[in-house]
Amino acid sequence: PGPFDQERPQLAGWTSNQSSAFDEHTGRVIHVDDNGETWAFDVCTNTWTELNPTVDLQGLAVSPMLVEGELVYDVDSDATLYIRGGVVLVYDAAGNTWTAQQTPPTSYSIHYPGLGAVYDPVSGLVVVQTGDHGLVAYDVETNTWTEIGTPPG
């Protein structure tokens, strides 16, 4: 998408680990490319904008390189979340910042690829698939994790 000659996110090819989420409030797709750069795609104007946000790690020892994670938009909190392993960052579109949140308990194995995250509009929580405990829920407002369990299957 976007004009052919326009700057756009880096794409490593079909094996790329890029992630995107539609920010309902701003009407843009928030996207993280293969270099860990944050971009926005405006579906109305068909244009890309490189955002160059600041990353507030709040003293946590995590990499600001936002690659190979899951992005999900939390409607209740009006925030885009990045989740990978022991890292949870929340993107504030108004302030153009990523802020580190409480990491998942170490008992939860949340690793990409293959594990996903979705927003549940009924509960208002982000549900994340884990490797060992099935599903866990994250509440952005209270910055807490709750184990849901393994779905029947």
Protein backbone atom coordinates (compact mmCIF):
# COMPACT_ATOMS: atom_id res chain seq x y z
CA PRO A 1 0.00 0.00 0.00
CA GLY A 2 0.96 3.60 -0.45
CA PRO A 3 2.55 5.40 -3.41
CA PHE A 4 5.33 3.43 -5.08
CA ASP A 5 8.04 6.01 -4.37
CA GLN A 6 7.03 6.66 -0.76
CA GLU A 7 9.24 5.66 2.19
CA ARG A 8 7.80 2.58 3.83
CA PRO A 9 8.65 -0.05 6.46
CA GLN A 10 11.54 -2.43 5.84
CA LEU A 11 10.48 -5.83 4.61
CA ALA A 12 12.85 -8.77 4.76
CA GLY A 13 10.67 -10.96 2.58
CA TRP A 14 8.06 -13.60 3.15
CA THR A 15 9.89 -14.84 6.27
CA SER A 16 9.42 -11.46 7.93
CA ASN A 17 8.36 -11.25 11.58
CA GLN A 18 6.52 -7.96 11.24
CA SER A 19 3.39 -7.20 13.21
CA SER A 20 0.57 -4.68 12.84
CA ALA A 21 -2.58 -3.62 14.68
CA PHE A 22 -5.37 -1.25 13.67
CA ASP A 23 -5.69 1.68 16.10
CA GLU A 24 -9.42 2.38 16.05
CA HIS A 25 -9.08 5.78 17.72
CA THR A 26 -6.59 7.26 15.24
CA GLY A 27 -7.82 5.29 12.24
CA ARG A 28 -4.28 4.14 11.46
CA VAL A 29 -2.53 0.80 11.32
CA ILE A 30 0.38 0.78 13.79
CA HIS A 31 3.16 -1.33 12.34
CA VAL A 32 6.60 -2.50 13.50
CA ASP A 33 9.01 -3.40 10.70
CA ASP A 34 12.00 -5.76 10.51
CA ASN A 35 14.30 -3.05 11.88
CA GLY A 36 12.11 -2.47 14.92
CA GLU A 37 10.93 0.91 13.61
CA THR A 38 7.37 2.02 14.36
CA TRP A 39 5.24 3.17 11.42
CA ALA A 40 1.62 4.19 10.87
CA PHE A 41 -0.41 3.51 7.76
CA ASP A 42 -3.33 5.84 7.15
CA VAL A 43 -5.97 3.83 5.29
CA CYS A 44 -7.84 6.97 4.19
CA THR A 45 -4.86 8.71 2.54
CA ASN A 46 -2.98 5.50 1.57
CA THR A 47 0.23 6.83 3.13
CA TRP A 48 2.95 5.61 5.51
CA THR A 49 4.46 7.75 8.29
CA GLU A 50 7.56 6.77 10.25
CA LEU A 51 6.76 7.62 13.87
CA ASN A 52 10.18 7.48 15.60
CA PRO A 53 8.67 7.12 19.07
CA THR A 54 10.58 7.28 22.31
CA VAL A 55 10.78 4.09 24.36
CA ASP A 56 10.32 4.49 28.13
CA LEU A 57 11.66 1.26 29.62
CA GLN A 58 11.04 2.40 33.23
CA GLY A 59 14.29 0.82 34.38
CA LEU A 60 13.50 -2.57 32.88
CA ALA A 61 16.27 -4.44 31.11
CA VAL A 62 14.45 -5.01 27.83
CA SER A 63 15.51 -4.22 24.31
CA PRO A 64 13.74 -1.32 22.61
CA MET A 65 14.01 -3.28 19.38
CA LEU A 66 10.38 -4.14 18.73
CA VAL A 67 10.83 -7.14 16.46
CA GLU A 68 9.17 -10.56 16.41
CA GLY A 69 6.38 -9.73 18.80
CA GLU A 70 2.63 -9.53 18.76
CA LEU A 71 0.81 -6.22 18.35
CA VAL A 72 -2.79 -5.97 19.48
CA TYR A 73 -5.07 -2.96 19.90
CA ASP A 74 -6.95 -2.74 23.23
CA VAL A 75 -10.17 -0.81 22.52
CA ASP A 76 -11.02 -0.20 26.21
CA SER A 77 -7.61 1.30 26.93
CA ASP A 78 -7.19 2.93 23.50
CA ALA A 79 -3.68 1.53 23.33
CA THR A 80 -1.63 -0.72 21.08
CA LEU A 81 0.29 -3.39 22.98
CA TYR A 82 3.51 -5.13 21.99
CA ILE A 83 3.95 -8.53 23.66
CA ARG A 84 6.90 -10.87 23.35
CA GLY A 85 8.44 -13.12 25.96
CA GLY A 86 9.03 -11.06 29.08
CA VAL A 87 8.32 -7.74 27.37
CA VAL A 88 5.07 -5.78 27.33
CA LEU A 89 5.10 -2.29 25.87
CA VAL A 90 2.11 0.03 25.43
CA TYR A 91 2.05 2.51 22.57
CA ASP A 92 0.43 5.89 23.15
CA ALA A 93 -0.43 7.38 19.75
CA ALA A 94 -1.07 10.86 21.18
CA GLY A 95 2.35 11.02 22.87
CA ASN A 96 4.15 8.83 20.30
CA THR A 97 5.77 6.75 23.05
CA TRP A 98 6.22 3.09 23.94
CA THR A 99 6.09 2.49 27.71
CA ALA A 100 7.22 -0.73 29.41
CA GLN A 101 4.62 -2.45 31.58
CA GLN A 102 4.70 -5.21 34.17
CA THR A 103 6.19 -8.28 32.56
CA PRO A 104 4.25 -11.54 32.56
CA PRO A 105 5.03 -13.89 35.44
CA THR A 106 8.03 -16.06 34.60
CA SER A 107 5.82 -19.13 34.78
CA TYR A 108 4.13 -18.01 31.54
CA SER A 109 6.06 -18.94 28.44
CA ILE A 110 5.07 -16.25 25.91
CA HIS A 111 7.31 -16.57 22.89
CA TYR A 112 6.89 -15.74 19.24
CA PRO A 113 6.40 -17.23 16.62
CA GLY A 114 3.21 -19.20 16.70
CA LEU A 115 1.66 -17.74 19.83
CA GLY A 116 -0.87 -14.98 19.44
CA ALA A 117 -2.61 -12.18 21.26
CA VAL A 118 -6.15 -10.87 20.70
CA TYR A 119 -8.38 -8.27 22.28
CA ASP A 120 -11.55 -9.69 23.86
CA PRO A 121 -14.32 -7.05 23.61
CA VAL A 122 -16.52 -8.84 26.15
CA SER A 123 -14.01 -8.80 29.01
CA GLY A 124 -11.99 -5.79 27.80
CA LEU A 125 -8.80 -7.82 28.27
CA VAL A 126 -6.01 -8.91 25.95
CA VAL A 127 -5.89 -12.70 25.76
CA VAL A 128 -2.45 -14.18 25.09
CA GLN A 129 -1.63 -17.75 24.14
CA THR A 130 1.22 -19.24 26.14
CA GLY A 131 3.36 -22.28 25.58
CA ASP A 132 2.67 -24.00 28.89
CA HIS A 133 -0.44 -22.55 30.55
CA GLY A 134 -2.83 -22.26 27.62
CA LEU A 135 -4.29 -18.76 27.84
CA VAL A 136 -3.59 -15.77 30.07
CA ALA A 137 -5.32 -12.39 30.14
CA TYR A 138 -3.68 -9.00 30.47
CA ASP A 139 -5.50 -5.94 31.81
CA VAL A 140 -3.81 -2.74 30.64
CA GLU A 141 -5.71 -0.55 33.10
CA THR A 142 -4.57 -2.47 36.19
CA ASN A 143 -1.33 -3.80 34.65
CA THR A 144 -2.13 -7.34 35.85
CA TRP A 145 -2.02 -10.86 34.42
CA THR A 146 -4.59 -13.61 35.08
CA GLU A 147 -4.25 -17.25 34.11
CA ILE A 148 -7.28 -18.48 32.16
CA GLY A 149 -6.13 -22.04 31.61
CA THR A 150 -5.98 -24.48 28.75
CA PRO A 151 -8.93 -24.45 26.36
CA PRO A 152 -10.68 -27.80 25.88
CA GLY A 153 -9.60 -29.45 22.75
